[in-house]
Every structure is written in structure tokens, then in C-alpha cells.
N, C-alpha and C. Protein backbone atom coordinates (compact mmCIF):
# COMPACT_ATOMS: atom_id res chain seq x y z
N UNK A 1 32.41 -55.05 51.58
CA UNK A 1 32.65 -54.60 52.67
C UNK A 1 31.87 -53.29 52.67
N UNK A 2 31.16 -53.00 53.84
CA UNK A 2 30.66 -51.60 53.90
C UNK A 2 31.36 -50.69 54.69
N UNK A 3 31.59 -49.19 54.62
CA UNK A 3 32.33 -48.56 55.15
C UNK A 3 32.14 -48.35 56.60
N UNK A 4 33.14 -48.18 57.41
CA UNK A 4 32.51 -47.68 58.74
C UNK A 4 33.32 -46.40 58.92
N UNK A 5 32.08 -45.54 59.21
CA UNK A 5 32.34 -43.91 59.31
C UNK A 5 32.77 -43.55 60.49
N UNK A 6 33.22 -42.44 60.52
CA UNK A 6 33.38 -41.46 61.67
C UNK A 6 32.43 -40.39 61.72
N UNK A 7 31.58 -40.26 63.17
CA UNK A 7 30.70 -39.43 63.26
C UNK A 7 31.28 -38.16 63.77
N UNK A 8 30.53 -37.00 63.77
CA UNK A 8 30.98 -36.01 64.59
C UNK A 8 31.93 -35.88 66.22
N UNK A 9 31.22 -37.25 66.76
CA UNK A 9 31.82 -37.20 67.74
C UNK A 9 33.13 -38.18 67.65
N UNK A 10 33.25 -38.53 66.58
CA UNK A 10 34.45 -39.26 66.68
C UNK A 10 34.57 -40.58 67.23
N UNK A 11 33.45 -41.03 67.25
CA UNK A 11 33.50 -42.85 67.36
C UNK A 11 32.71 -43.14 66.19
N UNK A 12 33.35 -44.79 65.68
CA UNK A 12 32.89 -44.91 64.18
C UNK A 12 31.63 -45.80 64.58
N UNK A 13 30.94 -45.74 63.12
CA UNK A 13 29.39 -45.80 63.12
C UNK A 13 29.86 -47.11 61.89
N UNK A 14 28.90 -48.37 62.20
CA UNK A 14 29.04 -49.48 61.24
C UNK A 14 27.85 -49.60 60.69
N UNK A 15 27.74 -50.00 59.38
CA UNK A 15 26.42 -50.16 58.93
C UNK A 15 26.36 -51.42 58.37
N UNK A 16 25.47 -52.27 58.41
CA UNK A 16 25.46 -53.37 57.60
C UNK A 16 25.17 -53.77 56.72
N UNK A 17 25.52 -54.88 56.00
CA UNK A 17 25.17 -54.88 54.42
C UNK A 17 23.73 -55.69 54.53
N UNK A 18 23.13 -55.35 53.45
CA UNK A 18 21.60 -55.28 53.16
C UNK A 18 21.61 -56.93 53.27
N UNK A 19 20.81 -58.06 53.42
CA UNK A 19 20.72 -59.32 53.17
C UNK A 19 20.67 -59.53 51.99
N UNK A 20 21.07 -61.09 51.92
CA UNK A 20 21.19 -61.80 50.64
C UNK A 20 19.20 -61.32 49.79
N UNK A 21 19.42 -61.88 48.91
CA UNK A 21 18.11 -61.32 47.89
C UNK A 21 17.18 -62.49 48.23
N UNK A 22 18.16 -63.75 48.23
CA UNK A 22 17.18 -65.18 48.29
C UNK A 22 16.82 -65.03 49.96
N UNK A 23 17.66 -64.59 50.94
CA UNK A 23 16.77 -64.39 52.15
C UNK A 23 15.47 -63.67 52.23
N UNK A 24 15.82 -62.32 51.63
CA UNK A 24 14.79 -61.22 51.88
C UNK A 24 13.42 -62.26 50.98
N UNK A 25 13.59 -62.86 49.75
CA UNK A 25 12.13 -63.23 49.26
C UNK A 25 11.72 -64.51 50.22
N UNK A 26 12.70 -65.44 50.64
CA UNK A 26 12.22 -66.45 51.63
C UNK A 26 11.68 -65.97 52.86
N UNK A 27 11.81 -64.84 53.37
CA UNK A 27 11.46 -64.23 54.54
C UNK A 27 10.09 -63.59 54.21
N UNK A 28 9.91 -62.89 52.88
CA UNK A 28 8.60 -62.47 52.83
C UNK A 28 7.84 -63.80 52.10
N UNK A 29 7.99 -64.98 51.63
CA UNK A 29 7.36 -66.08 51.29
C UNK A 29 6.75 -66.68 52.66
N UNK A 30 7.81 -67.03 53.75
CA UNK A 30 7.77 -67.31 55.08
C UNK A 30 6.25 -66.62 55.65
N UNK A 31 6.48 -65.10 55.70
CA UNK A 31 5.51 -64.16 56.22
C UNK A 31 4.24 -64.36 55.84
N UNK A 32 4.05 -64.96 54.66
CA UNK A 32 2.88 -64.67 53.48
C UNK A 32 2.18 -65.88 54.15
N UNK A 33 2.62 -67.03 54.73
CA UNK A 33 2.18 -68.02 54.96
C UNK A 33 1.22 -67.78 56.28
N UNK A 34 0.30 -68.45 56.28
CA UNK A 34 -1.02 -68.07 57.62
C UNK A 34 -0.78 -69.17 58.27
N UNK A 35 -0.30 -70.10 58.43
CA UNK A 35 -0.18 -71.30 59.50
C UNK A 35 1.20 -71.21 60.23
N UNK A 36 1.18 -71.00 61.48
CA UNK A 36 2.45 -70.75 62.07
C UNK A 36 3.71 -71.93 61.73
N UNK A 37 2.91 -73.23 61.91
CA UNK A 37 3.71 -74.43 61.80
C UNK A 37 4.39 -74.41 60.49
N UNK A 38 3.72 -73.67 59.22
CA UNK A 38 4.25 -73.82 57.89
C UNK A 38 5.59 -72.46 57.92
N UNK A 39 5.29 -71.72 58.63
CA UNK A 39 6.24 -70.34 58.71
C UNK A 39 7.15 -70.82 59.31
N UNK A 40 6.89 -71.56 60.68
CA UNK A 40 8.53 -72.00 61.29
C UNK A 40 9.14 -73.23 60.53
N UNK A 41 8.06 -73.78 59.74
CA UNK A 41 9.07 -75.06 58.48
C UNK A 41 9.63 -74.56 57.52
N UNK A 42 9.29 -73.36 57.02
CA UNK A 42 9.88 -72.62 55.72
C UNK A 42 11.08 -71.89 56.47
N UNK A 43 10.69 -71.39 58.02
CA UNK A 43 12.26 -70.47 58.05
C UNK A 43 13.11 -71.27 58.13
N UNK A 44 12.98 -72.34 59.02
CA UNK A 44 13.94 -73.43 59.54
C UNK A 44 14.47 -73.96 58.20
N UNK A 45 14.03 -74.07 57.16
CA UNK A 45 14.33 -74.81 55.66
C UNK A 45 15.55 -73.23 55.51
N UNK A 46 15.22 -71.87 55.57
CA UNK A 46 15.87 -70.88 55.14
C UNK A 46 17.28 -70.49 56.17
N UNK A 47 17.18 -71.02 57.16
CA UNK A 47 18.25 -70.90 58.13
C UNK A 47 19.24 -71.92 57.92
N UNK A 48 18.63 -73.03 57.14
CA UNK A 48 19.79 -74.41 56.70
C UNK A 48 20.53 -73.60 55.91
N UNK A 49 20.00 -72.98 54.52
CA UNK A 49 20.43 -72.85 53.25
C UNK A 49 21.06 -71.39 53.37
N UNK A 50 20.68 -70.51 54.77
CA UNK A 50 21.36 -69.36 54.89
C UNK A 50 21.63 -69.01 56.07
N UNK A 51 22.54 -70.15 56.99
CA UNK A 51 23.12 -69.87 58.39
C UNK A 51 23.46 -68.81 58.71
N UNK A 52 24.02 -67.89 58.16
CA UNK A 52 24.61 -66.66 58.48
C UNK A 52 23.69 -65.42 58.35
N UNK A 53 22.73 -65.58 58.01
CA UNK A 53 21.41 -64.88 58.11
C UNK A 53 21.08 -64.40 59.39
N UNK A 54 21.23 -62.89 59.87
CA UNK A 54 20.81 -62.17 61.00
C UNK A 54 19.58 -62.55 61.50
N UNK A 55 18.57 -61.79 60.15
CA UNK A 55 17.22 -62.14 60.07
C UNK A 55 16.38 -63.24 60.24
N UNK A 56 17.08 -64.37 59.44
CA UNK A 56 16.45 -65.35 59.83
C UNK A 56 15.91 -66.08 61.08
N UNK A 57 17.20 -65.83 62.00
CA UNK A 57 17.22 -66.14 63.08
C UNK A 57 16.49 -65.02 64.10
N UNK A 58 16.62 -64.19 63.75
CA UNK A 58 15.50 -63.39 64.49
C UNK A 58 13.82 -63.79 64.13
N UNK A 59 13.80 -63.86 63.00
CA UNK A 59 12.27 -64.33 62.38
C UNK A 59 11.94 -65.77 63.20
N UNK A 60 12.74 -66.36 63.50
CA UNK A 60 12.40 -67.94 64.15
C UNK A 60 12.29 -67.31 65.58
N UNK A 61 13.42 -66.88 66.32
CA UNK A 61 13.36 -66.07 67.70
C UNK A 61 11.89 -65.48 67.53
N UNK A 62 11.61 -64.63 67.06
CA UNK A 62 10.29 -63.87 67.55
C UNK A 62 9.10 -64.97 66.97
N UNK A 63 8.93 -65.81 66.09
CA UNK A 63 7.66 -66.75 65.81
C UNK A 63 7.88 -67.93 67.11
N UNK A 64 8.72 -68.51 67.44
CA UNK A 64 8.82 -69.28 68.08
C UNK A 64 8.15 -68.86 69.71
N UNK A 65 7.53 -70.02 69.84
CA UNK A 65 6.55 -70.15 71.28
C UNK A 65 7.16 -70.57 72.44
N UNK A 66 8.38 -71.22 72.47
CA UNK A 66 8.89 -72.00 73.31
C UNK A 66 9.97 -70.94 74.14
N UNK A 67 10.29 -70.82 74.98
CA UNK A 67 10.91 -69.35 75.55
C UNK A 67 12.35 -69.70 75.38
N UNK A 68 13.09 -71.42 75.91
CA UNK A 68 14.18 -71.42 75.63
C UNK A 68 14.63 -71.67 74.06
N UNK A 69 13.57 -71.85 73.15
CA UNK A 69 14.21 -72.06 71.53
C UNK A 69 14.20 -70.46 71.39
N UNK A 70 13.21 -69.93 71.49
CA UNK A 70 13.02 -68.58 71.26
C UNK A 70 14.91 -67.93 71.60
N UNK A 71 14.90 -68.13 72.81
CA UNK A 71 16.07 -67.84 73.34
C UNK A 71 17.60 -67.96 72.61
N UNK A 72 17.29 -69.26 72.33
CA UNK A 72 18.32 -69.48 71.50
C UNK A 72 18.54 -68.92 69.96
N UNK A 73 17.24 -69.02 69.31
CA UNK A 73 17.44 -68.11 68.05
C UNK A 73 17.99 -66.80 68.28
N UNK A 74 17.59 -66.33 69.06
CA UNK A 74 17.89 -64.62 69.63
C UNK A 74 19.71 -64.93 69.61
N UNK A 75 20.18 -65.85 70.24
CA UNK A 75 21.25 -65.93 70.75
C UNK A 75 22.13 -66.16 69.24
N UNK A 76 21.87 -67.17 68.35
CA UNK A 76 22.03 -67.41 67.37
C UNK A 76 22.42 -66.41 66.43
N UNK A 77 21.54 -65.65 66.15
CA UNK A 77 21.44 -64.13 65.43
C UNK A 77 22.12 -63.42 66.07
N UNK A 78 22.57 -62.85 67.28
CA UNK A 78 23.28 -62.00 68.10
C UNK A 78 24.96 -62.33 67.47
N UNK A 79 25.10 -64.00 67.51
CA UNK A 79 26.37 -64.27 67.19
C UNK A 79 26.60 -63.80 65.65
N UNK A 80 25.65 -64.12 64.84
CA UNK A 80 25.73 -63.96 63.50
C UNK A 80 25.90 -62.42 63.16
N UNK A 81 25.09 -61.69 64.06
CA UNK A 81 25.41 -60.43 64.22
C UNK A 81 26.77 -59.46 64.10
N UNK A 82 27.18 -60.40 65.32
CA UNK A 82 28.43 -59.96 65.71
C UNK A 82 29.74 -60.32 64.58
N UNK A 83 29.40 -61.16 63.94
CA UNK A 83 30.25 -62.01 63.20
C UNK A 83 30.31 -60.73 61.62
N UNK A 84 29.17 -60.71 61.32
CA UNK A 84 29.13 -59.64 60.42
C UNK A 84 29.54 -58.41 60.50
N UNK A 85 29.40 -57.67 61.80
CA UNK A 85 29.79 -56.31 62.28
C UNK A 85 31.44 -56.53 61.90
N UNK A 86 31.80 -57.53 62.41
CA UNK A 86 33.73 -57.62 62.41
C UNK A 86 34.07 -57.60 61.03
N UNK A 87 33.08 -58.48 60.00
CA UNK A 87 33.52 -58.41 58.72
C UNK A 87 33.27 -56.91 57.81
N UNK A 88 32.61 -56.11 58.40
CA UNK A 88 32.28 -55.09 58.16
C UNK A 88 33.09 -53.83 58.99
N UNK A 89 34.27 -54.13 59.67
CA UNK A 89 34.76 -53.41 60.20
C UNK A 89 34.68 -52.90 61.56
N UNK A 90 33.65 -53.28 62.15
CA UNK A 90 33.67 -52.83 63.61
C UNK A 90 34.71 -53.58 64.41
N UNK A 91 35.15 -52.95 65.34
CA UNK A 91 36.30 -53.30 66.12
C UNK A 91 36.15 -53.56 67.52
N UNK A 92 34.34 -53.61 67.88
CA UNK A 92 34.29 -53.85 69.35
C UNK A 92 33.90 -52.43 69.79
N UNK A 93 33.79 -51.46 69.23
CA UNK A 93 33.23 -50.28 69.82
C UNK A 93 32.52 -49.41 68.78
N UNK A 94 31.83 -48.11 69.01
CA UNK A 94 31.21 -47.67 67.91
C UNK A 94 29.81 -48.03 67.75
N UNK A 95 29.19 -46.85 67.36
CA UNK A 95 27.54 -47.01 67.11
C UNK A 95 27.22 -48.13 66.11
N UNK A 96 26.13 -48.54 66.13
CA UNK A 96 25.42 -49.22 65.32
C UNK A 96 23.89 -48.69 65.35
N UNK A 97 23.80 -47.66 64.33
CA UNK A 97 22.46 -47.07 64.64
C UNK A 97 21.11 -47.81 63.90
N UNK A 98 20.05 -47.62 64.80
CA UNK A 98 18.65 -47.90 63.93
C UNK A 98 18.36 -47.49 63.00
N UNK A 99 18.75 -45.97 62.88
CA UNK A 99 18.31 -45.46 61.56
C UNK A 99 18.79 -45.81 60.23
N UNK A 100 19.51 -47.18 60.31
CA UNK A 100 20.08 -47.77 59.11
C UNK A 100 19.36 -49.08 59.07
N UNK A 101 18.36 -49.14 58.28
CA UNK A 101 17.40 -50.18 58.39
C UNK A 101 18.56 -51.69 58.10
N UNK A 102 19.25 -51.94 57.81
CA UNK A 102 20.06 -53.09 57.69
C UNK A 102 21.05 -53.43 58.90
N UNK A 103 20.87 -52.61 59.89
CA UNK A 103 20.87 -52.52 61.24
C UNK A 103 20.31 -52.86 62.27
N UNK A 104 18.69 -52.98 61.58
CA UNK A 104 17.83 -53.42 62.71
C UNK A 104 17.61 -54.65 63.47
N UNK A 105 17.97 -55.70 62.23
CA UNK A 105 18.26 -57.36 62.83
C UNK A 105 18.84 -57.32 63.91
N UNK A 106 19.84 -57.24 63.62
CA UNK A 106 21.12 -57.36 64.79
C UNK A 106 20.76 -56.55 66.22
N UNK A 107 20.01 -55.33 66.35
CA UNK A 107 19.65 -54.49 67.42
C UNK A 107 18.45 -55.28 68.01
N UNK A 108 17.55 -56.00 66.93
CA UNK A 108 16.51 -56.68 67.54
C UNK A 108 17.12 -57.79 68.16
N UNK A 109 17.88 -59.02 67.39
CA UNK A 109 18.59 -59.61 68.17
C UNK A 109 19.05 -59.38 69.45
N UNK A 110 19.38 -58.54 69.98
CA UNK A 110 20.35 -58.05 70.91
C UNK A 110 19.29 -58.37 72.02
N UNK A 111 18.26 -57.43 71.66
CA UNK A 111 17.28 -56.82 72.39
C UNK A 111 16.13 -57.92 72.74
N UNK A 112 15.93 -59.38 71.75
CA UNK A 112 15.27 -60.38 71.81
C UNK A 112 15.94 -61.01 73.34
N UNK A 113 17.18 -61.13 72.99
CA UNK A 113 18.33 -62.24 73.94
C UNK A 113 18.11 -61.17 74.98
N UNK A 114 18.03 -60.00 75.36
CA UNK A 114 17.80 -59.14 76.56
C UNK A 114 16.83 -59.43 77.17
N UNK A 115 15.56 -59.47 76.59
CA UNK A 115 14.16 -59.80 77.30
C UNK A 115 14.09 -61.07 77.58
N UNK A 116 14.54 -62.47 76.88
CA UNK A 116 14.31 -63.73 77.17
C UNK A 116 15.26 -63.85 78.41
N UNK A 117 16.80 -63.17 78.52
CA UNK A 117 17.46 -63.34 79.40
C UNK A 117 16.92 -62.90 80.81
N UNK A 118 15.84 -61.86 80.95
CA UNK A 118 15.20 -61.64 81.98
C UNK A 118 14.03 -62.44 82.06
N UNK A 119 13.41 -62.97 81.09
CA UNK A 119 12.55 -64.20 81.38
C UNK A 119 13.04 -65.45 82.01
N UNK A 120 14.37 -65.95 81.70
CA UNK A 120 14.53 -67.14 82.23
C UNK A 120 15.78 -67.03 83.66
N UNK A 121 15.60 -65.45 84.15
CA UNK A 121 16.68 -65.16 85.04
C UNK A 121 17.75 -64.83 85.02
N UNK A 122 18.50 -64.92 84.02
CA UNK A 122 19.77 -64.52 83.89
C UNK A 122 19.91 -63.07 83.62
N UNK A 123 19.99 -62.70 85.03
CA UNK A 123 19.96 -61.31 84.83
C UNK A 123 21.24 -60.34 84.67
N UNK A 124 22.05 -61.04 84.98
CA UNK A 124 23.28 -60.37 84.24
C UNK A 124 23.78 -60.30 83.07
N UNK A 125 23.17 -61.09 82.08
CA UNK A 125 23.31 -61.63 80.62
C UNK A 125 22.24 -60.35 80.07
N UNK A 126 21.07 -59.98 80.76
CA UNK A 126 20.05 -58.98 80.76
C UNK A 126 20.60 -57.68 80.61
N UNK A 127 21.77 -57.31 81.76
CA UNK A 127 22.18 -56.25 81.99
C UNK A 127 23.15 -55.80 80.99
N UNK A 128 24.04 -56.78 80.88
CA UNK A 128 25.08 -56.70 79.53
C UNK A 128 24.40 -56.76 78.25
N UNK A 129 23.41 -57.31 78.26
CA UNK A 129 22.89 -57.01 76.69
C UNK A 129 22.18 -55.20 76.78
N UNK A 130 21.47 -54.91 77.88
CA UNK A 130 21.10 -53.68 77.61
C UNK A 130 22.15 -52.60 77.67
N UNK A 131 23.11 -52.73 78.45
CA UNK A 131 24.17 -51.65 78.29
C UNK A 131 24.47 -51.82 77.09
N UNK A 132 25.12 -52.91 76.05
CA UNK A 132 25.43 -52.90 74.74
C UNK A 132 24.48 -52.38 73.80
N UNK A 133 23.28 -52.43 74.05
CA UNK A 133 22.03 -51.89 73.44
C UNK A 133 22.58 -50.34 73.17
N UNK A 134 22.35 -49.78 74.60
CA UNK A 134 22.96 -48.44 74.63
C UNK A 134 24.39 -47.96 73.92
N UNK A 135 24.97 -48.73 73.97
CA UNK A 135 26.41 -48.32 73.74
C UNK A 135 26.45 -47.89 71.98
N UNK A 136 25.61 -49.00 71.60
CA UNK A 136 25.15 -49.31 70.36
C UNK A 136 24.52 -48.38 69.39
N UNK A 137 23.39 -47.60 70.30
CA UNK A 137 22.25 -47.11 69.54
C UNK A 137 21.32 -46.59 71.34
N UNK A 138 22.67 -45.33 71.29
CA UNK A 138 22.18 -44.28 72.29
C UNK A 138 20.86 -43.71 72.59
N UNK A 139 20.01 -43.62 71.60
CA UNK A 139 18.58 -43.92 71.46
C UNK A 139 17.73 -44.96 71.83
N UNK A 140 18.21 -45.96 72.07
CA UNK A 140 18.14 -47.52 72.25
C UNK A 140 16.18 -47.17 73.21
N UNK A 141 16.23 -46.48 73.74
CA UNK A 141 15.24 -46.45 74.65
C UNK A 141 14.12 -46.20 74.13
N UNK A 142 13.95 -44.66 73.36
CA UNK A 142 13.34 -44.12 72.34
C UNK A 142 12.76 -45.35 71.44
N UNK A 143 13.60 -45.84 70.80
CA UNK A 143 13.33 -46.83 69.71
C UNK A 143 12.63 -47.86 70.21
N UNK A 144 12.96 -48.84 71.46
CA UNK A 144 12.60 -49.59 71.77
C UNK A 144 10.92 -49.23 72.23
N UNK A 145 10.39 -48.07 72.84
CA UNK A 145 9.27 -47.87 73.13
C UNK A 145 8.51 -47.83 71.92
N UNK A 146 8.77 -47.48 70.34
CA UNK A 146 8.20 -47.52 69.27
C UNK A 146 7.77 -49.04 68.64
N UNK A 147 8.19 -49.75 69.36
CA UNK A 147 8.26 -51.01 69.11
C UNK A 147 7.47 -52.12 69.97
N UNK A 148 6.92 -51.41 71.08
CA UNK A 148 6.34 -52.16 71.53
C UNK A 148 4.60 -51.88 71.18
């Protein structure tokens, strides 16, 4: 279990653990494939063998060209991320900073969920996700500008 640290402002900061080495290898192998159908199949097999991986579900959400499928993959990644945060001491508030590379997939899942919620017209969900992103990473606007 990773440590929950207090920062100068007194709010706890949670740092998620690194993904399993098999997941990291599988993601690298999938990324090296040139054909998107092969990437997709490879990622689905990886998700089947590592269903708790945030990174695998984010990769599927990013790769999918079907809006509702992408939304579903990001939602799974988000829930896997919440589970992992709780296992690592997060109690529903505090920071999950982008500066820690192991937190990025969870933040990307939440960002993907927010963007797809806008696309499907679920503006309440999009607003909740946007607020949550800023609570977790107050510099999210700056961070997200570097992702575009």
C-alpha cells in the first residue's frame, strides 16, 4: 500500500502504485502493433487477464472509435481508479497529482469520462467530472492544455 502524505496545506495527497510489470509489457506490445484492430484485440486480452488495471481500460477508451464504447471503457477505468485510490489510503478527499506518473492514468480516465459525457449530452456528469478533476489536481486546466 502506498503512503498517503499530508502537504503544506494539510490536505492528504495519494500516490497510486505502479502498474503490474506484465501490464506494462502488454501495453508496450499493444502500442507497437501497427494495425488498430490488432491493438484492440491485444488490449482486450490484457483487460481480461488484468481487469483491475486502470491503464489498460484507459488505452481501450483512447483507442476505441465508438463513442459509447469509449465512454464505457473510461468509466471502467475511473471505477478501477477509485478502487485503487481507496486501497491506497484515499478517503474521498485530497490530492491526486499529475506530477506523480502513477496517478496519470486515473486522471486521464476521469478526463476521458468528462469529455465523452459532454459528447453524449450528459452535462451533469461532465460537470461532476470536471469539478472532481480540479479537486484532485488543482492545476488540471494547465495540465489538460499540455495534452491537447
